[in-house]
All heavy atoms as atom14 arrays in JSON, in Angstrom:
{
  "sequence": "MPMVTGLIMIMLKRACGTPWAVTAFVSVSFLSFMLVADRE",
  "atom14_mask": [
    [1, 1, 1, 1, 1, 1, 1, 1, 0, 0, 0, 0, 0, 0],
    [1, 1, 1, 1, 1, 1, 1, 0, 0, 0, 0, 0, 0, 0],
    [1, 1, 1, 1, 1, 1, 1, 1, 0, 0, 0, 0, 0, 0],
    [1, 1, 1, 1, 1, 1, 1, 0, 0, 0, 0, 0, 0, 0],
    [1, 1, 1, 1, 1, 1, 1, 0, 0, 0, 0, 0, 0, 0],
    [1, 1, 1, 1, 0, 0, 0, 0, 0, 0, 0, 0, 0, 0],
    [1, 1, 1, 1, 1, 1, 1, 1, 0, 0, 0, 0, 0, 0],
    [1, 1, 1, 1, 1, 1, 1, 1, 0, 0, 0, 0, 0, 0],
    [1, 1, 1, 1, 1, 1, 1, 1, 0, 0, 0, 0, 0, 0],
    [1, 1, 1, 1, 1, 1, 1, 1, 0, 0, 0, 0, 0, 0],
    [1, 1, 1, 1, 1, 1, 1, 1, 0, 0, 0, 0, 0, 0],
    [1, 1, 1, 1, 1, 1, 1, 1, 0, 0, 0, 0, 0, 0],
    [1, 1, 1, 1, 1, 1, 1, 1, 1, 0, 0, 0, 0, 0],
    [1, 1, 1, 1, 1, 1, 1, 1, 1, 1, 1, 0, 0, 0],
    [1, 1, 1, 1, 1, 0, 0, 0, 0, 0, 0, 0, 0, 0],
    [1, 1, 1, 1, 1, 1, 0, 0, 0, 0, 0, 0, 0, 0],
    [1, 1, 1, 1, 0, 0, 0, 0, 0, 0, 0, 0, 0, 0],
    [1, 1, 1, 1, 1, 1, 1, 0, 0, 0, 0, 0, 0, 0],
    [1, 1, 1, 1, 1, 1, 1, 0, 0, 0, 0, 0, 0, 0],
    [1, 1, 1, 1, 1, 1, 1, 1, 1, 1, 1, 1, 1, 1],
    [1, 1, 1, 1, 1, 0, 0, 0, 0, 0, 0, 0, 0, 0],
    [1, 1, 1, 1, 1, 1, 1, 0, 0, 0, 0, 0, 0, 0],
    [1, 1, 1, 1, 1, 1, 1, 0, 0, 0, 0, 0, 0, 0],
    [1, 1, 1, 1, 1, 0, 0, 0, 0, 0, 0, 0, 0, 0],
    [1, 1, 1, 1, 1, 1, 1, 1, 1, 1, 1, 0, 0, 0],
    [1, 1, 1, 1, 1, 1, 1, 0, 0, 0, 0, 0, 0, 0],
    [1, 1, 1, 1, 1, 1, 0, 0, 0, 0, 0, 0, 0, 0],
    [1, 1, 1, 1, 1, 1, 1, 0, 0, 0, 0, 0, 0, 0],
    [1, 1, 1, 1, 1, 1, 0, 0, 0, 0, 0, 0, 0, 0],
    [1, 1, 1, 1, 1, 1, 1, 1, 1, 1, 1, 0, 0, 0],
    [1, 1, 1, 1, 1, 1, 1, 1, 0, 0, 0, 0, 0, 0],
    [1, 1, 1, 1, 1, 1, 0, 0, 0, 0, 0, 0, 0, 0],
    [1, 1, 1, 1, 1, 1, 1, 1, 1, 1, 1, 0, 0, 0],
    [1, 1, 1, 1, 1, 1, 1, 1, 0, 0, 0, 0, 0, 0],
    [1, 1, 1, 1, 1, 1, 1, 1, 0, 0, 0, 0, 0, 0],
    [1, 1, 1, 1, 1, 1, 1, 0, 0, 0, 0, 0, 0, 0],
    [1, 1, 1, 1, 1, 0, 0, 0, 0, 0, 0, 0, 0, 0],
    [1, 1, 1, 1, 1, 1, 1, 1, 0, 0, 0, 0, 0, 0],
    [1, 1, 1, 1, 1, 1, 1, 1, 1, 1, 1, 0, 0, 0],
    [1, 1, 1, 1, 1, 1, 1, 1, 1, 0, 0, 0, 0, 0]
  ],
  "atom14_positions": [
    [[4.24, 14.31, 2.78], [4.28, 12.99, 3.41], [5.37, 12.07, 2.84], [6.02, 11.37, 3.59], [2.91, 12.31, 3.37], [1.92, 12.93, 4.31], [2.58, 12.95, 5.99], [1.4, 14.0, 6.77], [0.0, 0.0, 0.0], [0.0, 0.0, 0.0], [0.0, 0.0, 0.0], [0.0, 0.0, 0.0], [0.0, 0.0, 0.0], [0.0, 0.0, 0.0]],
    [[5.61, 12.05, 1.52], [6.75, 11.25, 1.05], [8.08, 11.76, 1.6], [8.98, 10.97, 1.86], [6.69, 11.41, -0.47], [5.29, 11.74, -0.77], [4.79, 12.54, 0.4], [0.0, 0.0, 0.0], [0.0, 0.0, 0.0], [0.0, 0.0, 0.0], [0.0, 0.0, 0.0], [0.0, 0.0, 0.0], [0.0, 0.0, 0.0], [0.0, 0.0, 0.0]],
    [[8.19, 13.07, 1.79], [9.41, 13.62, 2.37], [9.59, 13.16, 3.82], [10.67, 12.73, 4.21], [9.38, 15.15, 2.32], [9.42, 15.72, 0.94], [9.08, 17.47, 1.01], [10.57, 18.09, 0.32], [0.0, 0.0, 0.0], [0.0, 0.0, 0.0], [0.0, 0.0, 0.0], [0.0, 0.0, 0.0], [0.0, 0.0, 0.0], [0.0, 0.0, 0.0]],
    [[8.53, 13.28, 4.6], [8.58, 12.87, 6.0], [8.87, 11.37, 6.1], [9.69, 10.93, 6.9], [7.26, 13.23, 6.72], [7.21, 12.63, 8.1], [7.08, 14.74, 6.78], [0.0, 0.0, 0.0], [0.0, 0.0, 0.0], [0.0, 0.0, 0.0], [0.0, 0.0, 0.0], [0.0, 0.0, 0.0], [0.0, 0.0, 0.0], [0.0, 0.0, 0.0]],
    [[8.21, 10.61, 5.27], [8.41, 9.16, 5.26], [9.84, 8.82, 4.85], [10.45, 7.89, 5.4], [7.4, 8.49, 4.32], [6.09, 8.89, 4.71], [7.49, 7.0, 4.38], [0.0, 0.0, 0.0], [0.0, 0.0, 0.0], [0.0, 0.0, 0.0], [0.0, 0.0, 0.0], [0.0, 0.0, 0.0], [0.0, 0.0, 0.0], [0.0, 0.0, 0.0]],
    [[10.38, 9.56, 3.92], [11.77, 9.34, 3.52], [12.75, 9.59, 4.65], [13.78, 8.92, 4.75], [0.0, 0.0, 0.0], [0.0, 0.0, 0.0], [0.0, 0.0, 0.0], [0.0, 0.0, 0.0], [0.0, 0.0, 0.0], [0.0, 0.0, 0.0], [0.0, 0.0, 0.0], [0.0, 0.0, 0.0], [0.0, 0.0, 0.0], [0.0, 0.0, 0.0]],
    [[12.42, 10.53, 5.52], [13.31, 10.83, 6.65], [13.4, 9.66, 7.62], [14.39, 9.51, 8.33], [12.84, 12.09, 7.36], [12.95, 13.38, 6.55], [12.35, 14.55, 7.31], [14.39, 13.68, 6.17], [0.0, 0.0, 0.0], [0.0, 0.0, 0.0], [0.0, 0.0, 0.0], [0.0, 0.0, 0.0], [0.0, 0.0, 0.0], [0.0, 0.0, 0.0]],
    [[12.38, 8.81, 7.66], [12.44, 7.61, 8.5], [13.58, 6.71, 8.05], [14.19, 6.01, 8.86], [11.08, 6.88, 8.47], [10.02, 7.73, 9.17], [11.16, 5.5, 9.1], [8.61, 7.21, 9.04], [0.0, 0.0, 0.0], [0.0, 0.0, 0.0], [0.0, 0.0, 0.0], [0.0, 0.0, 0.0], [0.0, 0.0, 0.0], [0.0, 0.0, 0.0]],
    [[13.9, 6.75, 6.77], [14.99, 5.92, 6.25], [16.34, 6.3, 6.84], [17.24, 5.47, 6.89], [15.04, 6.01, 4.72], [13.88, 5.38, 4.03], [13.8, 3.62, 4.39], [12.08, 3.34, 4.13], [0.0, 0.0, 0.0], [0.0, 0.0, 0.0], [0.0, 0.0, 0.0], [0.0, 0.0, 0.0], [0.0, 0.0, 0.0], [0.0, 0.0, 0.0]],
    [[16.48, 7.54, 7.28], [17.73, 7.93, 7.92], [17.96, 7.08, 9.15], [19.04, 6.51, 9.36], [17.71, 9.43, 8.31], [17.66, 10.32, 7.08], [18.93, 9.78, 9.16], [17.41, 11.78, 7.39], [0.0, 0.0, 0.0], [0.0, 0.0, 0.0], [0.0, 0.0, 0.0], [0.0, 0.0, 0.0], [0.0, 0.0, 0.0], [0.0, 0.0, 0.0]],
    [[16.93, 6.97, 9.98], [17.05, 6.18, 11.2], [17.27, 4.71, 10.88], [18.1, 4.05, 11.51], [15.81, 6.36, 12.08], [15.93, 5.63, 13.39], [14.69, 6.02, 14.63], [13.18, 5.98, 13.75], [0.0, 0.0, 0.0], [0.0, 0.0, 0.0], [0.0, 0.0, 0.0], [0.0, 0.0, 0.0], [0.0, 0.0, 0.0], [0.0, 0.0, 0.0]],
    [[16.54, 4.18, 9.91], [16.71, 2.77, 9.56], [18.12, 2.49, 9.04], [18.72, 1.48, 9.39], [15.68, 2.36, 8.51], [14.29, 2.07, 9.02], [13.34, 1.8, 7.87], [14.31, 0.91, 9.97], [0.0, 0.0, 0.0], [0.0, 0.0, 0.0], [0.0, 0.0, 0.0], [0.0, 0.0, 0.0], [0.0, 0.0, 0.0], [0.0, 0.0, 0.0]],
    [[18.63, 3.37, 8.2], [19.97, 3.16, 7.66], [21.02, 3.23, 8.75], [21.93, 2.41, 8.8], [20.27, 4.19, 6.58], [21.62, 3.96, 5.93], [21.83, 4.87, 4.77], [23.04, 4.56, 4.07], [24.15, 4.69, 3.8], [0.0, 0.0, 0.0], [0.0, 0.0, 0.0], [0.0, 0.0, 0.0], [0.0, 0.0, 0.0], [0.0, 0.0, 0.0]],
    [[20.9, 4.18, 9.64], [21.9, 4.33, 10.71], [21.79, 3.22, 11.75], [22.79, 2.73, 12.24], [21.76, 5.68, 11.4], [21.9, 6.87, 10.5], [23.23, 7.49, 10.38], [24.01, 7.47, 11.58], [25.33, 7.49, 11.57], [25.97, 7.54, 10.44], [26.01, 7.49, 12.69], [0.0, 0.0, 0.0], [0.0, 0.0, 0.0], [0.0, 0.0, 0.0]],
    [[20.57, 2.81, 12.09], [20.38, 1.82, 13.15], [20.55, 0.39, 12.65], [21.12, -0.44, 13.37], [19.01, 1.99, 13.79], [0.0, 0.0, 0.0], [0.0, 0.0, 0.0], [0.0, 0.0, 0.0], [0.0, 0.0, 0.0], [0.0, 0.0, 0.0], [0.0, 0.0, 0.0], [0.0, 0.0, 0.0], [0.0, 0.0, 0.0], [0.0, 0.0, 0.0]],
    [[20.08, 0.11, 11.46], [20.05, -1.28, 11.0], [21.0, -1.57, 9.84], [21.33, -2.71, 9.59], [18.63, -1.65, 10.57], [17.41, -1.47, 11.87], [0.0, 0.0, 0.0], [0.0, 0.0, 0.0], [0.0, 0.0, 0.0], [0.0, 0.0, 0.0], [0.0, 0.0, 0.0], [0.0, 0.0, 0.0], [0.0, 0.0, 0.0], [0.0, 0.0, 0.0]],
    [[21.38, -0.54, 9.1], [22.26, -0.73, 7.95], [21.52, -0.55, 6.63], [20.29, -0.58, 6.57], [0.0, 0.0, 0.0], [0.0, 0.0, 0.0], [0.0, 0.0, 0.0], [0.0, 0.0, 0.0], [0.0, 0.0, 0.0], [0.0, 0.0, 0.0], [0.0, 0.0, 0.0], [0.0, 0.0, 0.0], [0.0, 0.0, 0.0], [0.0, 0.0, 0.0]],
    [[22.29, -0.38, 5.59], [21.73, -0.13, 4.26], [20.85, -1.27, 3.74], [19.77, -1.0, 3.22], [22.85, 0.19, 3.25], [23.58, 1.32, 3.74], [22.31, 0.5, 1.89], [0.0, 0.0, 0.0], [0.0, 0.0, 0.0], [0.0, 0.0, 0.0], [0.0, 0.0, 0.0], [0.0, 0.0, 0.0], [0.0, 0.0, 0.0], [0.0, 0.0, 0.0]],
    [[21.26, -2.54, 3.87], [20.38, -3.59, 3.33], [19.0, -3.62, 3.99], [17.99, -3.84, 3.31], [21.14, -4.89, 3.64], [22.56, -4.48, 3.8], [22.52, -3.09, 4.35], [0.0, 0.0, 0.0], [0.0, 0.0, 0.0], [0.0, 0.0, 0.0], [0.0, 0.0, 0.0], [0.0, 0.0, 0.0], [0.0, 0.0, 0.0], [0.0, 0.0, 0.0]],
    [[18.94, -3.35, 5.29], [17.65, -3.34, 5.98], [16.82, -2.13, 5.54], [15.61, -2.22, 5.38], [17.85, -3.34, 7.49], [18.31, -4.66, 7.99], [19.61, -5.06, 8.17], [17.5, -5.77, 8.35], [19.65, -6.34, 8.63], [18.36, -6.81, 8.75], [16.13, -5.99, 8.37], [17.9, -8.04, 9.17], [15.66, -7.23, 8.79], [16.54, -8.23, 9.18]],
    [[17.48, -0.99, 5.36], [16.76, 0.21, 4.91], [16.22, 0.02, 3.5], [15.09, 0.42, 3.2], [17.68, 1.43, 4.98], [0.0, 0.0, 0.0], [0.0, 0.0, 0.0], [0.0, 0.0, 0.0], [0.0, 0.0, 0.0], [0.0, 0.0, 0.0], [0.0, 0.0, 0.0], [0.0, 0.0, 0.0], [0.0, 0.0, 0.0], [0.0, 0.0, 0.0]],
    [[17.0, -0.61, 2.64], [16.53, -0.87, 1.27], [15.36, -1.85, 1.29], [14.37, -1.67, 0.57], [17.69, -1.4, 0.39], [17.18, -1.91, -0.94], [18.73, -0.32, 0.19], [0.0, 0.0, 0.0], [0.0, 0.0, 0.0], [0.0, 0.0, 0.0], [0.0, 0.0, 0.0], [0.0, 0.0, 0.0], [0.0, 0.0, 0.0], [0.0, 0.0, 0.0]],
    [[15.43, -2.86, 2.14], [14.33, -3.82, 2.27], [13.06, -3.11, 2.75], [11.97, -3.37, 2.23], [14.71, -4.95, 3.25], [15.89, -5.59, 2.77], [13.59, -5.96, 3.38], [0.0, 0.0, 0.0], [0.0, 0.0, 0.0], [0.0, 0.0, 0.0], [0.0, 0.0, 0.0], [0.0, 0.0, 0.0], [0.0, 0.0, 0.0], [0.0, 0.0, 0.0]],
    [[13.21, -2.24, 3.73], [12.06, -1.48, 4.22], [11.5, -0.57, 3.12], [10.28, -0.47, 2.94], [12.44, -0.65, 5.44], [0.0, 0.0, 0.0], [0.0, 0.0, 0.0], [0.0, 0.0, 0.0], [0.0, 0.0, 0.0], [0.0, 0.0, 0.0], [0.0, 0.0, 0.0], [0.0, 0.0, 0.0], [0.0, 0.0, 0.0], [0.0, 0.0, 0.0]],
    [[12.38, 0.07, 2.35], [11.94, 0.92, 1.25], [11.13, 0.12, 0.23], [10.06, 0.54, -0.22], [13.14, 1.58, 0.57], [12.84, 2.14, -0.79], [12.03, 3.26, -0.91], [13.32, 1.55, -1.94], [11.72, 3.78, -2.17], [13.02, 2.04, -3.19], [12.22, 3.17, -3.3], [0.0, 0.0, 0.0], [0.0, 0.0, 0.0], [0.0, 0.0, 0.0]],
    [[11.62, -1.07, -0.13], [10.92, -1.9, -1.11], [9.57, -2.34, -0.56], [8.55, -2.29, -1.27], [11.79, -3.12, -1.5], [11.0, -4.12, -2.32], [13.01, -2.66, -2.27], [0.0, 0.0, 0.0], [0.0, 0.0, 0.0], [0.0, 0.0, 0.0], [0.0, 0.0, 0.0], [0.0, 0.0, 0.0], [0.0, 0.0, 0.0], [0.0, 0.0, 0.0]],
    [[9.52, -2.73, 0.71], [8.24, -3.18, 1.28], [7.25, -2.03, 1.38], [6.06, -2.2, 1.07], [8.46, -3.85, 2.64], [8.9, -2.93, 3.59], [0.0, 0.0, 0.0], [0.0, 0.0, 0.0], [0.0, 0.0, 0.0], [0.0, 0.0, 0.0], [0.0, 0.0, 0.0], [0.0, 0.0, 0.0], [0.0, 0.0, 0.0], [0.0, 0.0, 0.0]],
    [[7.71, -0.86, 1.8], [6.82, 0.31, 1.87], [6.34, 0.69, 0.47], [5.17, 1.02, 0.28], [7.52, 1.5, 2.56], [6.71, 2.78, 2.41], [7.75, 1.2, 4.03], [0.0, 0.0, 0.0], [0.0, 0.0, 0.0], [0.0, 0.0, 0.0], [0.0, 0.0, 0.0], [0.0, 0.0, 0.0], [0.0, 0.0, 0.0], [0.0, 0.0, 0.0]],
    [[7.22, 0.61, -0.5], [6.84, 0.94, -1.88], [5.75, 0.0, -2.37], [4.74, 0.44, -2.93], [8.05, 0.84, -2.81], [9.03, 1.77, -2.44], [0.0, 0.0, 0.0], [0.0, 0.0, 0.0], [0.0, 0.0, 0.0], [0.0, 0.0, 0.0], [0.0, 0.0, 0.0], [0.0, 0.0, 0.0], [0.0, 0.0, 0.0], [0.0, 0.0, 0.0]],
    [[5.93, -1.29, -2.15], [4.94, -2.27, -2.59], [3.62, -2.08, -1.86], [2.56, -2.02, -2.49], [5.48, -3.68, -2.38], [4.51, -4.75, -2.76], [4.24, -5.02, -4.09], [3.83, -5.46, -1.79], [3.33, -6.0, -4.45], [2.91, -6.44, -2.13], [2.66, -6.71, -3.47], [0.0, 0.0, 0.0], [0.0, 0.0, 0.0], [0.0, 0.0, 0.0]],
    [[3.68, -2.0, -0.53], [2.45, -1.86, 0.25], [1.72, -0.56, -0.06], [0.49, -0.55, -0.17], [2.76, -1.95, 1.74], [3.13, -3.34, 2.26], [3.63, -3.25, 3.7], [1.93, -4.27, 2.16], [0.0, 0.0, 0.0], [0.0, 0.0, 0.0], [0.0, 0.0, 0.0], [0.0, 0.0, 0.0], [0.0, 0.0, 0.0], [0.0, 0.0, 0.0]],
    [[2.45, 0.52, -0.18], [1.79, 1.8, -0.45], [1.18, 1.81, -1.84], [0.12, 2.39, -2.06], [2.75, 2.96, -0.26], [3.82, 2.89, -1.17], [0.0, 0.0, 0.0], [0.0, 0.0, 0.0], [0.0, 0.0, 0.0], [0.0, 0.0, 0.0], [0.0, 0.0, 0.0], [0.0, 0.0, 0.0], [0.0, 0.0, 0.0], [0.0, 0.0, 0.0]],
    [[1.83, 1.17, -2.79], [1.26, 1.11, -4.14], [-0.05, 0.34, -4.14], [-0.97, 0.66, -4.9], [2.26, 0.47, -5.12], [1.89, 0.66, -6.55], [2.11, 1.88, -7.18], [1.3, -0.36, -7.27], [1.75, 2.08, -8.5], [0.93, -0.17, -8.6], [1.17, 1.05, -9.21], [0.0, 0.0, 0.0], [0.0, 0.0, 0.0], [0.0, 0.0, 0.0]],
    [[-0.15, -0.67, -3.27], [-1.36, -1.47, -3.19], [-2.44, -0.82, -2.33], [-3.63, -0.98, -2.6], [-1.05, -2.86, -2.63], [-0.03, -3.63, -3.45], [-0.5, -3.78, -5.16], [-1.34, -5.32, -5.1], [0.0, 0.0, 0.0], [0.0, 0.0, 0.0], [0.0, 0.0, 0.0], [0.0, 0.0, 0.0], [0.0, 0.0, 0.0], [0.0, 0.0, 0.0]],
    [[-2.06, -0.08, -1.28], [-3.02, 0.4, -0.28], [-3.35, 1.89, -0.34], [-4.42, 2.29, 0.11], [-2.5, 0.07, 1.13], [-2.29, -1.41, 1.45], [-1.62, -1.55, 2.8], [-3.61, -2.15, 1.4], [0.0, 0.0, 0.0], [0.0, 0.0, 0.0], [0.0, 0.0, 0.0], [0.0, 0.0, 0.0], [0.0, 0.0, 0.0], [0.0, 0.0, 0.0]],
    [[-2.46, 2.69, -0.85], [-2.64, 4.14, -0.82], [-3.31, 4.6, -2.12], [-2.85, 4.26, -3.21], [-1.3, 4.87, -0.6], [-1.47, 6.37, -0.64], [-0.68, 4.44, 0.73], [0.0, 0.0, 0.0], [0.0, 0.0, 0.0], [0.0, 0.0, 0.0], [0.0, 0.0, 0.0], [0.0, 0.0, 0.0], [0.0, 0.0, 0.0], [0.0, 0.0, 0.0]],
    [[-4.37, 5.37, -1.98], [-5.14, 5.8, -3.15], [-4.46, 6.92, -3.93], [-4.61, 7.0, -5.15], [-6.53, 6.25, -2.7], [0.0, 0.0, 0.0], [0.0, 0.0, 0.0], [0.0, 0.0, 0.0], [0.0, 0.0, 0.0], [0.0, 0.0, 0.0], [0.0, 0.0, 0.0], [0.0, 0.0, 0.0], [0.0, 0.0, 0.0], [0.0, 0.0, 0.0]],
    [[-3.73, 7.79, -3.26], [-3.12, 8.94, -3.93], [-1.86, 8.5, -4.67], [-0.8, 8.3, -4.09], [-2.78, 10.03, -2.9], [-2.34, 11.32, -3.55], [-2.08, 11.33, -4.77], [-2.24, 12.33, -2.83], [0.0, 0.0, 0.0], [0.0, 0.0, 0.0], [0.0, 0.0, 0.0], [0.0, 0.0, 0.0], [0.0, 0.0, 0.0], [0.0, 0.0, 0.0]],
    [[-1.98, 8.34, -5.98], [-0.87, 7.86, -6.8], [0.3, 8.84, -6.84], [1.45, 8.43, -6.92], [-1.35, 7.57, -8.23], [-2.28, 6.41, -8.29], [-1.54, 5.15, -7.95], [-2.48, 4.08, -7.71], [-2.32, 3.15, -6.8], [-1.27, 3.14, -6.04], [-3.21, 2.21, -6.64], [0.0, 0.0, 0.0], [0.0, 0.0, 0.0], [0.0, 0.0, 0.0]],
    [[0.01, 10.12, -6.8], [1.09, 11.11, -6.82], [1.97, 10.97, -5.59], [3.19, 10.97, -5.68], [0.5, 12.52, -6.91], [1.52, 13.59, -7.15], [0.89, 14.92, -7.49], [-0.3, 15.12, -7.22], [1.62, 15.77, -8.03], [0.0, 0.0, 0.0], [0.0, 0.0, 0.0], [0.0, 0.0, 0.0], [0.0, 0.0, 0.0], [0.0, 0.0, 0.0]]
  ]
}
């Protein structure tokens, strides 16, 4: 699942640009750390 989720960043980077993809990465990282039980 982290691999599949990482592949979404390809589309974000190409469609919106690197700053938007990095912002999405940071928000997903924060939200998943707070909401997802599987730490690994």
